[in-house]
Amino acid sequence: MASDGVLLPEIVKVGPRIVDIGRLRGLAGSVFWAVLSIGLFAGFWEACWALGISDARLLPPPHIFLGSLVDQAKFFNTAQRWQIGAGAVPPPPAYEAVVITILSSAGRVVAGLLLASVVGISIGVGIRYSSLFGRLVLPTVTMLSPVSPIAWLPVAIFMFGIGNAPAVFMVFIALLFHMVLSTITQIDGVNRNLLNVARTMGATKRQIYSRVIVPAILPGMLVVLRLNLFAAWMVVLVAEATGVGYGLGQVIMLARNTFNPSLVFFTIALIGLTGFLSDLLMRLIQRRVLYWMPDPAAVLRGL
């Protein structure tokens, strides 16, 4: 419903629960358009194969690399045996190995993303809170920001060896400096009227930062966090591909070394699906945390 151009939620009571019909419709619509978009992409790929434009040996269509799930899943156990000391552990079933692989990569992404967020936001707030701290730290952050995450790979191996730690460090270091600079940008963009009102009411500097600035930058930082989620996935795959840990990136390297295009695209499909679900979860968390903010997509649909 809309009144004077303002969208109102459609609320109904179902038993003891209150259901937002508008949100359910929006969720159903998002699922429909996501399925349609992916279906059109897969259909175009299949059409290229049917017309002979693409070679099935190099670019197998979805019905080929998705139609042999059992055969593809077996390779995940093969990749897992590459781990040091893995020969003493009996391999899990093929499908269980796929789940373990996905969870291994996802765990590194989440750990690195959370560490980079906490440390990056803390450093960014500290730079603007203390001018001395900012003068000492900001030039170093600016200098290290352009360094590619690949350049940090030898450092990660030197410091942590082989395993989960270097992959998490790669995600952390790839996102840290971006999070610091994004935090500074968000703080600089806070409405000055809010700060003036807080000063007028006698708030101290610490109170202004804790009760005005940090809540004000929270929406923007959650958007930055969501965008960095995709960067975290790219970095962790590169780290795993170099052999620092077992995961989807290592399976991609196994497929390359054995020249198995079907396994490559099967793993890419898993990565895409996991990234899509991760982004969906991030959006749900964002809506839950920022409950007071209207949904921009709903507002635009109401125009």
C-alpha atoms as a PDB file:
ATOM      1  CA  MET A   1       0.000   0.000   0.000  1.00  0.00           C
ATOM      2  CA  ALA A   2       1.142   3.568  -0.640  1.00  0.00           C
ATOM      3  CA  SER A   3       0.001   6.834   0.913  1.00  0.00           C
ATOM      4  CA  ASP A   4       1.330  10.208  -0.260  1.00  0.00           C
ATOM      5  CA  GLY A   5       4.157   8.451  -2.050  1.00  0.00           C
ATOM      6  CA  VAL A   6       5.251   6.534   1.082  1.00  0.00           C
ATOM      7  CA  LEU A   7       5.286   2.738   0.905  1.00  0.00           C
ATOM      8  CA  LEU A   8       3.595   0.949   3.790  1.00  0.00           C
ATOM      9  CA  PRO A   9       4.265  -2.727   4.591  1.00  0.00           C
ATOM     10  CA  GLU A  10       1.457  -5.200   3.923  1.00  0.00           C
ATOM     11  CA  ILE A  11       1.076  -6.947   7.272  1.00  0.00           C
ATOM     12  CA  VAL A  12      -1.248  -9.869   7.970  1.00  0.00           C
ATOM     13  CA  LYS A  13      -1.579 -12.065  11.035  1.00  0.00           C
ATOM     14  CA  VAL A  14      -1.306 -15.821  10.481  1.00  0.00           C
ATOM     15  CA  GLY A  15      -2.035 -17.565  13.764  1.00  0.00           C
ATOM     16  CA  PRO A  16       0.375 -16.245  16.401  1.00  0.00           C
ATOM     17  CA  ARG A  17       2.761 -14.838  13.789  1.00  0.00           C
ATOM     18  CA  ILE A  18       2.735 -11.575  11.830  1.00  0.00           C
ATOM     19  CA  VAL A  19       3.703 -11.960   8.167  1.00  0.00           C
ATOM     20  CA  ASP A  20       4.918  -9.166   5.897  1.00  0.00           C
ATOM     21  CA  ILE A  21       3.236  -9.996   2.575  1.00  0.00           C
ATOM     22  CA  GLY A  22       5.202  -7.379   0.714  1.00  0.00           C
ATOM     23  CA  ARG A  23       8.512  -8.875   1.821  1.00  0.00           C
ATOM     24  CA  LEU A  24       7.372 -12.371   0.857  1.00  0.00           C
ATOM     25  CA  ARG A  25       6.364 -11.130  -2.582  1.00  0.00           C
ATOM     26  CA  GLY A  26       9.715  -9.429  -2.975  1.00  0.00           C
ATOM     27  CA  LEU A  27      11.549 -12.625  -1.991  1.00  0.00           C
ATOM     28  CA  ALA A  28       9.475 -14.720  -4.407  1.00  0.00           C
ATOM     29  CA  GLY A  29      10.100 -12.223  -7.169  1.00  0.00           C
ATOM     30  CA  SER A  30      13.854 -12.255  -6.505  1.00  0.00           C
ATOM     31  CA  VAL A  31      13.938 -16.058  -6.678  1.00  0.00           C
ATOM     32  CA  PHE A  32      11.904 -16.047  -9.907  1.00  0.00           C
ATOM     33  CA  TRP A  33      14.152 -13.539 -11.668  1.00  0.00           C
ATOM     34  CA  ALA A  34      17.299 -15.292 -10.419  1.00  0.00           C
ATOM     35  CA  VAL A  35      16.092 -18.625 -11.834  1.00  0.00           C
ATOM     36  CA  LEU A  36      15.059 -16.957 -15.084  1.00  0.00           C
ATOM     37  CA  SER A  37      18.382 -15.146 -15.456  1.00  0.00           C
ATOM     38  CA  ILE A  38      20.459 -18.273 -14.829  1.00  0.00           C
ATOM     39  CA  GLY A  39      18.144 -20.307 -17.077  1.00  0.00           C
ATOM     40  CA  LEU A  40      18.582 -17.864 -19.966  1.00  0.00           C
ATOM     41  CA  PHE A  41      22.357 -17.977 -19.562  1.00  0.00           C
ATOM     42  CA  ALA A  42      22.358 -21.788 -19.519  1.00  0.00           C
ATOM     43  CA  GLY A  43      19.982 -21.863 -22.495  1.00  0.00           C
ATOM     44  CA  PHE A  44      22.273 -19.589 -24.519  1.00  0.00           C
ATOM     45  CA  TRP A  45      25.217 -21.853 -23.670  1.00  0.00           C
ATOM     46  CA  GLU A  46      23.246 -24.936 -24.720  1.00  0.00           C
ATOM     47  CA  ALA A  47      22.219 -23.218 -27.955  1.00  0.00           C
ATOM     48  CA  CYS A  48      25.855 -22.442 -28.808  1.00  0.00           C
ATOM     49  CA  TRP A  49      26.663 -26.133 -28.305  1.00  0.00           C
ATOM     50  CA  ALA A  50      23.671 -27.297 -30.360  1.00  0.00           C
ATOM     51  CA  LEU A  51      24.596 -24.975 -33.237  1.00  0.00           C
ATOM     52  CA  GLY A  52      28.213 -26.153 -33.188  1.00  0.00           C
ATOM     53  CA  ILE A  53      29.585 -22.757 -32.154  1.00  0.00           C
ATOM     54  CA  SER A  54      31.319 -24.117 -29.049  1.00  0.00           C
ATOM     55  CA  ASP A  55      33.330 -27.335 -28.809  1.00  0.00           C
ATOM     56  CA  ALA A  56      31.961 -29.669 -26.126  1.00  0.00           C
ATOM     57  CA  ARG A  57      35.483 -30.947 -25.434  1.00  0.00           C
ATOM     58  CA  LEU A  58      36.654 -27.452 -24.427  1.00  0.00           C
ATOM     59  CA  LEU A  59      33.421 -25.727 -23.384  1.00  0.00           C
ATOM     60  CA  PRO A  60      31.074 -28.518 -22.299  1.00  0.00           C
ATOM     61  CA  PRO A  61      27.458 -27.294 -21.944  1.00  0.00           C
ATOM     62  CA  PRO A  62      25.683 -27.476 -18.575  1.00  0.00           C
ATOM     63  CA  HIS A  63      23.872 -30.740 -19.332  1.00  0.00           C
ATOM     64  CA  ILE A  64      27.260 -32.461 -19.715  1.00  0.00           C
ATOM     65  CA  PHE A  65      29.227 -31.240 -16.687  1.00  0.00           C
ATOM     66  CA  LEU A  66      26.137 -31.186 -14.445  1.00  0.00           C
ATOM     67  CA  GLY A  67      24.842 -34.501 -15.715  1.00  0.00           C
ATOM     68  CA  SER A  68      27.776 -36.502 -14.358  1.00  0.00           C
ATOM     69  CA  LEU A  69      27.648 -35.454 -10.704  1.00  0.00           C
ATOM     70  CA  VAL A  70      28.929 -38.779  -9.391  1.00  0.00           C
ATOM     71  CA  ASP A  71      31.947 -38.820 -11.709  1.00  0.00           C
ATOM     72  CA  GLN A  72      32.828 -35.199 -10.917  1.00  0.00           C
ATOM     73  CA  ALA A  73      32.429 -35.663  -7.164  1.00  0.00           C
ATOM     74  CA  LYS A  74      35.070 -38.408  -7.158  1.00  0.00           C
ATOM     75  CA  PHE A  75      37.760 -35.873  -8.057  1.00  0.00           C
ATOM     76  CA  PHE A  76      37.181 -33.981  -4.809  1.00  0.00           C
ATOM     77  CA  ASN A  77      38.510 -36.960  -2.891  1.00  0.00           C
ATOM     78  CA  THR A  78      41.500 -37.085  -5.256  1.00  0.00           C
ATOM     79  CA  ALA A  79      42.306 -33.457  -4.501  1.00  0.00           C
ATOM     80  CA  GLN A  80      41.951 -34.041  -0.778  1.00  0.00           C
ATOM     81  CA  ARG A  81      44.588 -36.789  -0.840  1.00  0.00           C
ATOM     82  CA  TRP A  82      47.114 -34.181  -1.956  1.00  0.00           C
ATOM     83  CA  GLN A  83      47.187 -32.882   1.597  1.00  0.00           C
ATOM     84  CA  ILE A  84      50.200 -33.666   3.729  1.00  0.00           C
ATOM     85  CA  GLY A  85      49.390 -36.638   5.939  1.00  0.00           C
ATOM     86  CA  ALA A  86      45.981 -37.200   4.335  1.00  0.00           C
ATOM     87  CA  GLY A  87      46.919 -40.723   3.302  1.00  0.00           C
ATOM     88  CA  ALA A  88      46.518 -41.923   6.883  1.00  0.00           C
ATOM     89  CA  VAL A  89      42.885 -40.733   6.969  1.00  0.00           C
ATOM     90  CA  PRO A  90      40.265 -42.820   5.122  1.00  0.00           C
ATOM     91  CA  PRO A  91      38.633 -40.683   2.417  1.00  0.00           C
ATOM     92  CA  PRO A  92      34.964 -39.723   2.910  1.00  0.00           C
ATOM     93  CA  PRO A  93      32.253 -40.563   0.347  1.00  0.00           C
ATOM     94  CA  ALA A  94      32.306 -38.525  -2.840  1.00  0.00           C
ATOM     95  CA  TYR A  95      29.353 -36.272  -2.040  1.00  0.00           C
ATOM     96  CA  GLU A  96      30.618 -35.733   1.490  1.00  0.00           C
ATOM     97  CA  ALA A  97      33.964 -34.668   0.030  1.00  0.00           C
ATOM     98  CA  VAL A  98      32.161 -32.047  -2.086  1.00  0.00           C
ATOM     99  CA  VAL A  99      30.436 -30.634   1.006  1.00  0.00           C
ATOM    100  CA  ILE A 100      33.709 -30.639   2.976  1.00  0.00           C
ATOM    101  CA  THR A 101      35.423 -28.801   0.130  1.00  0.00           C
ATOM    102  CA  ILE A 102      32.756 -26.105  -0.062  1.00  0.00           C
ATOM    103  CA  LEU A 103      32.674 -25.628   3.707  1.00  0.00           C
ATOM    104  CA  SER A 104      36.482 -25.420   3.845  1.00  0.00           C
ATOM    105  CA  SER A 105      36.582 -22.570   1.343  1.00  0.00           C
ATOM    106  CA  ALA A 106      33.555 -20.829   2.873  1.00  0.00           C
ATOM    107  CA  GLY A 107      35.062 -21.023   6.350  1.00  0.00           C
ATOM    108  CA  ARG A 108      38.243 -19.302   5.196  1.00  0.00           C
ATOM    109  CA  VAL A 109      36.219 -16.606   3.457  1.00  0.00           C
ATOM    110  CA  VAL A 110      34.125 -15.900   6.559  1.00  0.00           C
ATOM    111  CA  ALA A 111      37.133 -15.914   8.912  1.00  0.00           C
ATOM    112  CA  GLY A 112      39.198 -13.589   6.729  1.00  0.00           C
ATOM    113  CA  LEU A 113      36.263 -11.274   6.050  1.00  0.00           C
ATOM    114  CA  LEU A 114      35.363 -10.923   9.729  1.00  0.00           C
ATOM    115  CA  LEU A 115      38.970 -10.304  10.761  1.00  0.00           C
ATOM    116  CA  ALA A 116      39.483  -7.706   8.036  1.00  0.00           C
ATOM    117  CA  SER A 117      36.212  -5.978   8.955  1.00  0.00           C
ATOM    118  CA  VAL A 118      36.910  -5.740  12.682  1.00  0.00           C
ATOM    119  CA  VAL A 119      40.535  -4.658  12.301  1.00  0.00           C
ATOM    120  CA  GLY A 120      39.903  -2.411   9.278  1.00  0.00           C
ATOM    121  CA  ILE A 121      36.970  -0.535  10.800  1.00  0.00           C
ATOM    122  CA  SER A 122      38.839  -0.154  14.100  1.00  0.00           C
ATOM    123  CA  ILE A 123      41.897   1.293  12.353  1.00  0.00           C
ATOM    124  CA  GLY A 124      39.736   3.582  10.194  1.00  0.00           C
ATOM    125  CA  VAL A 125      37.887   4.959  13.212  1.00  0.00           C
ATOM    126  CA  GLY A 126      41.185   5.335  15.073  1.00  0.00           C
ATOM    127  CA  ILE A 127      42.712   7.324  12.200  1.00  0.00           C
ATOM    128  CA  ARG A 128      39.926   9.898  12.328  1.00  0.00           C
ATOM    129  CA  TYR A 129      39.635   9.811  16.136  1.00  0.00           C
ATOM    130  CA  SER A 130      43.296  10.562  16.775  1.00  0.00           C
ATOM    131  CA  SER A 131      45.198  12.888  14.458  1.00  0.00           C
ATOM    132  CA  LEU A 132      48.534  11.521  15.703  1.00  0.00           C
ATOM    133  CA  PHE A 133      47.476   7.937  15.004  1.00  0.00           C
ATOM    134  CA  GLY A 134      46.227   8.989  11.562  1.00  0.00           C
ATOM    135  CA  ARG A 135      49.501  10.685  10.644  1.00  0.00           C
ATOM    136  CA  LEU A 136      51.460   7.603  11.683  1.00  0.00           C
ATOM    137  CA  VAL A 137      49.254   4.964  10.047  1.00  0.00           C
ATOM    138  CA  LEU A 138      47.405   6.449   7.048  1.00  0.00           C
ATOM    139  CA  PRO A 139      50.482   6.886   4.771  1.00  0.00           C
ATOM    140  CA  THR A 140      51.426   3.237   5.299  1.00  0.00           C
ATOM    141  CA  VAL A 141      47.872   2.070   4.579  1.00  0.00           C
ATOM    142  CA  THR A 142      47.767   4.165   1.400  1.00  0.00           C
ATOM    143  CA  MET A 143      51.128   2.789   0.268  1.00  0.00           C
ATOM    144  CA  LEU A 144      50.145  -0.863   0.823  1.00  0.00           C
ATOM    145  CA  SER A 145      46.635  -0.606  -0.652  1.00  0.00           C
ATOM    146  CA  PRO A 146      47.682  -1.050  -4.323  1.00  0.00           C
ATOM    147  CA  VAL A 147      49.750  -4.177  -3.577  1.00  0.00           C
ATOM    148  CA  SER A 148      48.158  -7.221  -5.192  1.00  0.00           C
ATOM    149  CA  PRO A 149      47.087 -10.035  -2.838  1.00  0.00           C
ATOM    150  CA  ILE A 150      49.237 -12.397  -4.922  1.00  0.00           C
ATOM    151  CA  ALA A 151      52.312 -10.515  -3.741  1.00  0.00           C
ATOM    152  CA  TRP A 152      51.433 -11.430  -0.156  1.00  0.00           C
ATOM    153  CA  LEU A 153      51.326 -15.159  -0.909  1.00  0.00           C
ATOM    154  CA  PRO A 154      55.035 -15.841  -0.180  1.00  0.00           C
ATOM    155  CA  VAL A 155      54.702 -13.835   3.028  1.00  0.00           C
ATOM    156  CA  ALA A 156      51.696 -15.937   4.069  1.00  0.00           C
ATOM    157  CA  ILE A 157      53.592 -19.176   3.414  1.00  0.00           C
ATOM    158  CA  PHE A 158      56.708 -17.914   5.225  1.00  0.00           C
ATOM    159  CA  MET A 159      54.649 -16.906   8.255  1.00  0.00           C
ATOM    160  CA  PHE A 160      52.056 -19.695   8.488  1.00  0.00           C
ATOM    161  CA  GLY A 161      53.300 -22.564   6.307  1.00  0.00           C
ATOM    162  CA  ILE A 162      50.637 -24.761   4.696  1.00  0.00           C
ATOM    163  CA  GLY A 163      47.048 -25.044   5.882  1.00  0.00           C
ATOM    164  CA  ASN A 164      44.097 -22.808   6.721  1.00  0.00           C
ATOM    165  CA  ALA A 165      46.069 -19.952   8.256  1.00  0.00           C
ATOM    166  CA  PRO A 166      47.796 -18.671   5.065  1.00  0.00           C
ATOM    167  CA  ALA A 167      44.523 -18.723   3.104  1.00  0.00           C
ATOM    168  CA  VAL A 168      42.739 -16.782   5.857  1.00  0.00           C
ATOM    169  CA  PHE A 169      45.671 -14.358   5.992  1.00  0.00           C
ATOM    170  CA  MET A 170      45.433 -13.818   2.236  1.00  0.00           C
ATOM    171  CA  VAL A 171      41.761 -12.877   2.505  1.00  0.00           C
ATOM    172  CA  PHE A 172      42.476 -10.687   5.524  1.00  0.00           C
ATOM    173  CA  ILE A 173      45.347  -8.753   3.958  1.00  0.00           C
ATOM    174  CA  ALA A 174      43.535  -8.348   0.629  1.00  0.00           C
ATOM    175  CA  LEU A 175      40.538  -6.676   2.291  1.00  0.00           C
ATOM    176  CA  LEU A 176      42.155  -4.896   5.240  1.00  0.00           C
ATOM    177  CA  PHE A 177      43.421  -1.744   3.549  1.00  0.00           C
ATOM    178  CA  HIS A 178      40.256  -1.341   1.488  1.00  0.00           C
ATOM    179  CA  MET A 179      38.180  -1.577   4.671  1.00  0.00           C
ATOM    180  CA  VAL A 180      40.344   1.077   6.354  1.00  0.00           C
ATOM    181  CA  LEU A 181      40.006   3.533   3.465  1.00  0.00           C
ATOM    182  CA  SER A 182      36.273   2.821   3.120  1.00  0.00           C
ATOM    183  CA  THR A 183      35.771   3.508   6.828  1.00  0.00           C
ATOM    184  CA  ILE A 184      37.593   6.818   6.545  1.00  0.00           C
ATOM    185  CA  THR A 185      35.478   7.779   3.522  1.00  0.00           C
ATOM    186  CA  GLN A 186      32.263   6.886   5.358  1.00  0.00           C
ATOM    187  CA  ILE A 187      33.281   8.926   8.407  1.00  0.00           C
ATOM    188  CA  ASP A 188      34.133  11.932   6.261  1.00  0.00           C
ATOM    189  CA  GLY A 189      30.678  11.706   4.670  1.00  0.00           C
ATOM    190  CA  VAL A 190      28.709  11.810   7.943  1.00  0.00           C
ATOM    191  CA  ASN A 191      26.185  14.657   8.017  1.00  0.00           C
ATOM    192  CA  ARG A 192      27.808  17.542   9.880  1.00  0.00           C
ATOM    193  CA  ASN A 193      24.455  18.609  11.290  1.00  0.00           C
ATOM    194  CA  LEU A 194      24.396  15.420  13.348  1.00  0.00           C
ATOM    195  CA  LEU A 195      27.805  16.237  14.792  1.00  0.00           C
ATOM    196  CA  ASN A 196      26.814  19.845  15.551  1.00  0.00           C
ATOM    197  CA  VAL A 197      23.662  18.717  17.338  1.00  0.00           C
ATOM    198  CA  ALA A 198      25.675  16.237  19.412  1.00  0.00           C
ATOM    199  CA  ARG A 199      28.179  18.964  20.370  1.00  0.00           C
ATOM    200  CA  THR A 200      25.352  21.335  21.258  1.00  0.00           C
ATOM    201  CA  MET A 201      23.912  18.704  23.606  1.00  0.00           C
ATOM    202  CA  GLY A 202      27.281  18.441  25.357  1.00  0.00           C
ATOM    203  CA  ALA A 203      28.469  15.098  23.955  1.00  0.00           C
ATOM    204  CA  THR A 204      32.141  14.312  24.345  1.00  0.00           C
ATOM    205  CA  LYS A 205      34.350  13.246  21.464  1.00  0.00           C
ATOM    206  CA  ARG A 206      34.114   9.613  22.506  1.00  0.00           C
ATOM    207  CA  GLN A 207      30.324   9.820  22.743  1.00  0.00           C
ATOM    208  CA  ILE A 208      30.103  11.442  19.310  1.00  0.00           C
ATOM    209  CA  TYR A 209      32.079   8.605  17.757  1.00  0.00           C
ATOM    210  CA  SER A 210      30.310   5.794  19.615  1.00  0.00           C
ATOM    211  CA  ARG A 211      26.730   7.115  19.400  1.00  0.00           C
ATOM    212  CA  VAL A 212      26.695   9.245  16.238  1.00  0.00           C
ATOM    213  CA  ILE A 213      29.491   8.449  13.806  1.00  0.00           C
ATOM    214  CA  VAL A 214      29.669   4.638  14.125  1.00  0.00           C
ATOM    215  CA  PRO A 215      25.862   4.155  13.802  1.00  0.00           C
ATOM    216  CA  ALA A 216      25.826   6.620  10.890  1.00  0.00           C
ATOM    217  CA  ILE A 217      28.470   4.729   8.909  1.00  0.00           C
ATOM    218  CA  LEU A 218      27.002   1.288   9.645  1.00  0.00           C
ATOM    219  CA  PRO A 219      24.734   1.134   6.537  1.00  0.00           C
ATOM    220  CA  GLY A 220      27.543   2.103   4.200  1.00  0.00           C
ATOM    221  CA  MET A 221      30.000  -0.283   5.819  1.00  0.00           C
ATOM    222  CA  LEU A 222      27.599  -3.206   5.461  1.00  0.00           C
ATOM    223  CA  VAL A 223      27.389  -2.440   1.740  1.00  0.00           C
ATOM    224  CA  VAL A 224      31.190  -2.375   1.552  1.00  0.00           C
ATOM    225  CA  LEU A 225      31.281  -5.648   3.483  1.00  0.00           C
ATOM    226  CA  ARG A 226      28.906  -7.246   0.981  1.00  0.00           C
ATOM    227  CA  LEU A 227      31.035  -6.109  -1.971  1.00  0.00           C
ATOM    228  CA  ASN A 228      34.178  -7.369  -0.286  1.00  0.00           C
ATOM    229  CA  LEU A 229      32.545 -10.773   0.055  1.00  0.00           C
ATOM    230  CA  PHE A 230      33.075 -11.386  -3.662  1.00  0.00           C
ATOM    231  CA  ALA A 231      36.683 -10.211  -3.440  1.00  0.00           C
ATOM    232  CA  ALA A 232      37.219 -12.602  -0.532  1.00  0.00           C
ATOM    233  CA  TRP A 233      36.025 -15.533  -2.641  1.00  0.00           C
ATOM    234  CA  MET A 234      38.404 -14.628  -5.469  1.00  0.00           C
ATOM    235  CA  VAL A 235      41.371 -14.328  -3.127  1.00  0.00           C
ATOM    236  CA  VAL A 236      40.726 -17.582  -1.268  1.00  0.00           C
ATOM    237  CA  LEU A 237      40.473 -19.504  -4.552  1.00  0.00           C
ATOM    238  CA  VAL A 238      43.844 -18.142  -5.645  1.00  0.00           C
ATOM    239  CA  ALA A 239      45.370 -19.088  -2.283  1.00  0.00           C
ATOM    240  CA  GLU A 240      43.959 -22.616  -2.449  1.00  0.00           C
ATOM    241  CA  ALA A 241      45.055 -23.027  -6.057  1.00  0.00           C
ATOM    242  CA  THR A 242      48.649 -22.511  -4.990  1.00  0.00           C
ATOM    243  CA  GLY A 243      48.372 -25.435  -2.570  1.00  0.00           C
ATOM    244  CA  VAL A 244      48.241 -23.642   0.790  1.00  0.00           C
ATOM    245  CA  GLY A 245      45.009 -25.405   1.714  1.00  0.00           C
ATOM    246  CA  TYR A 246      42.391 -27.868   0.550  1.00  0.00           C
ATOM    247  CA  GLY A 247      39.355 -26.313  -1.121  1.00  0.00           C
ATOM    248  CA  LEU A 248      37.615 -25.395  -4.347  1.00  0.00           C
ATOM    249  CA  GLY A 249      40.690 -23.623  -5.672  1.00  0.00           C
ATOM    250  CA  GLN A 250      42.733 -26.816  -5.370  1.00  0.00           C
ATOM    251  CA  VAL A 251      40.064 -28.748  -7.274  1.00  0.00           C
ATOM    252  CA  ILE A 252      40.288 -26.169 -10.063  1.00  0.00           C
ATOM    253  CA  MET A 253      44.042 -26.742 -10.238  1.00  0.00           C
ATOM    254  CA  LEU A 254      43.503 -30.515 -10.324  1.00  0.00           C
ATOM    255  CA  ALA A 255      41.114 -30.037 -13.247  1.00  0.00           C
ATOM    256  CA  ARG A 256      43.666 -27.888 -15.059  1.00  0.00           C
ATOM    257  CA  ASN A 257      46.510 -30.326 -14.515  1.00  0.00           C
ATOM    258  CA  THR A 258      44.407 -33.248 -15.759  1.00  0.00           C
ATOM    259  CA  PHE A 259      42.864 -31.167 -18.587  1.00  0.00           C
ATOM    260  CA  ASN A 260      39.320 -31.878 -17.420  1.00  0.00           C
ATOM    261  CA  PRO A 261      37.027 -29.048 -18.679  1.00  0.00           C
ATOM    262  CA  SER A 262      33.915 -30.705 -17.235  1.00  0.00           C
ATOM    263  CA  LEU A 263      35.433 -30.635 -13.738  1.00  0.00           C
ATOM    264  CA  VAL A 264      36.472 -27.010 -14.250  1.00  0.00           C
ATOM    265  CA  PHE A 265      32.947 -25.861 -15.085  1.00  0.00           C
ATOM    266  CA  PHE A 266      31.400 -28.113 -12.445  1.00  0.00           C
ATOM    267  CA  THR A 267      33.590 -26.454  -9.811  1.00  0.00           C
ATOM    268  CA  ILE A 268      32.864 -23.004 -11.256  1.00  0.00           C
ATOM    269  CA  ALA A 269      29.146 -23.775 -10.916  1.00  0.00           C
ATOM    270  CA  LEU A 270      29.678 -24.726  -7.261  1.00  0.00           C
ATOM    271  CA  ILE A 271      31.658 -21.527  -6.655  1.00  0.00           C
ATOM    272  CA  GLY A 272      28.969 -19.413  -8.304  1.00  0.00           C
ATOM    273  CA  LEU A 273      26.170 -21.077  -6.349  1.00  0.00           C
ATOM    274  CA  THR A 274      28.037 -20.730  -3.052  1.00  0.00           C
ATOM    275  CA  GLY A 275      28.816 -17.078  -3.771  1.00  0.00           C
ATOM    276  CA  PHE A 276      25.175 -16.412  -4.694  1.00  0.00           C
ATOM    277  CA  LEU A 277      23.939 -17.982  -1.451  1.00  0.00           C
ATOM    278  CA  SER A 278      26.579 -16.093   0.539  1.00  0.00           C
ATOM    279  CA  ASP A 279      25.427 -12.810  -0.951  1.00  0.00           C
ATOM    280  CA  LEU A 280      21.797 -13.708  -0.226  1.00  0.00           C
ATOM    281  CA  LEU A 281      22.676 -14.431   3.399  1.00  0.00           C
ATOM    282  CA  MET A 282      24.574 -11.143   3.620  1.00  0.00           C
ATOM    283  CA  ARG A 283      21.555  -9.230   2.315  1.00  0.00           C
ATOM    284  CA  LEU A 284      19.285 -10.910   4.850  1.00  0.00           C
ATOM    285  CA  ILE A 285      21.688  -9.968   7.651  1.00  0.00           C
ATOM    286  CA  GLN A 286      21.844  -6.424   6.303  1.00  0.00           C
ATOM    287  CA  ARG A 287      18.056  -6.112   6.361  1.00  0.00           C
ATOM    288  CA  ARG A 288      17.919  -7.544   9.867  1.00  0.00           C
ATOM    289  CA  VAL A 289      20.607  -5.227  11.246  1.00  0.00           C
ATOM    290  CA  LEU A 290      19.352  -2.136   9.382  1.00  0.00           C
ATOM    291  CA  TYR A 291      15.710  -2.768  10.225  1.00  0.00           C
ATOM    292  CA  TRP A 292      14.917   0.963  10.322  1.00  0.00           C
ATOM    293  CA  MET A 293      15.991   1.599   6.718  1.00  0.00           C
ATOM    294  CA  PRO A 294      13.564   1.128   3.772  1.00  0.00           C
ATOM    295  CA  ASP A 295      14.317  -1.389   1.052  1.00  0.00           C
ATOM    296  CA  PRO A 296      15.632   0.665  -1.926  1.00  0.00           C
ATOM    297  CA  ALA A 297      14.352  -1.892  -4.429  1.00  0.00           C
ATOM    298  CA  ALA A 298      10.854  -1.725  -2.931  1.00  0.00           C
ATOM    299  CA  VAL A 299      10.897   2.054  -3.049  1.00  0.00           C
ATOM    300  CA  LEU A 300      11.914   2.061  -6.717  1.00  0.00           C
ATOM    301  CA  ARG A 301       9.210  -0.495  -7.566  1.00  0.00           C
ATOM    302  CA  GLY A 302       6.647   1.835  -6.043  1.00  0.00           C
ATOM    303  CA  LEU A 303       7.549   4.785  -8.308  1.00  0.00           C
END
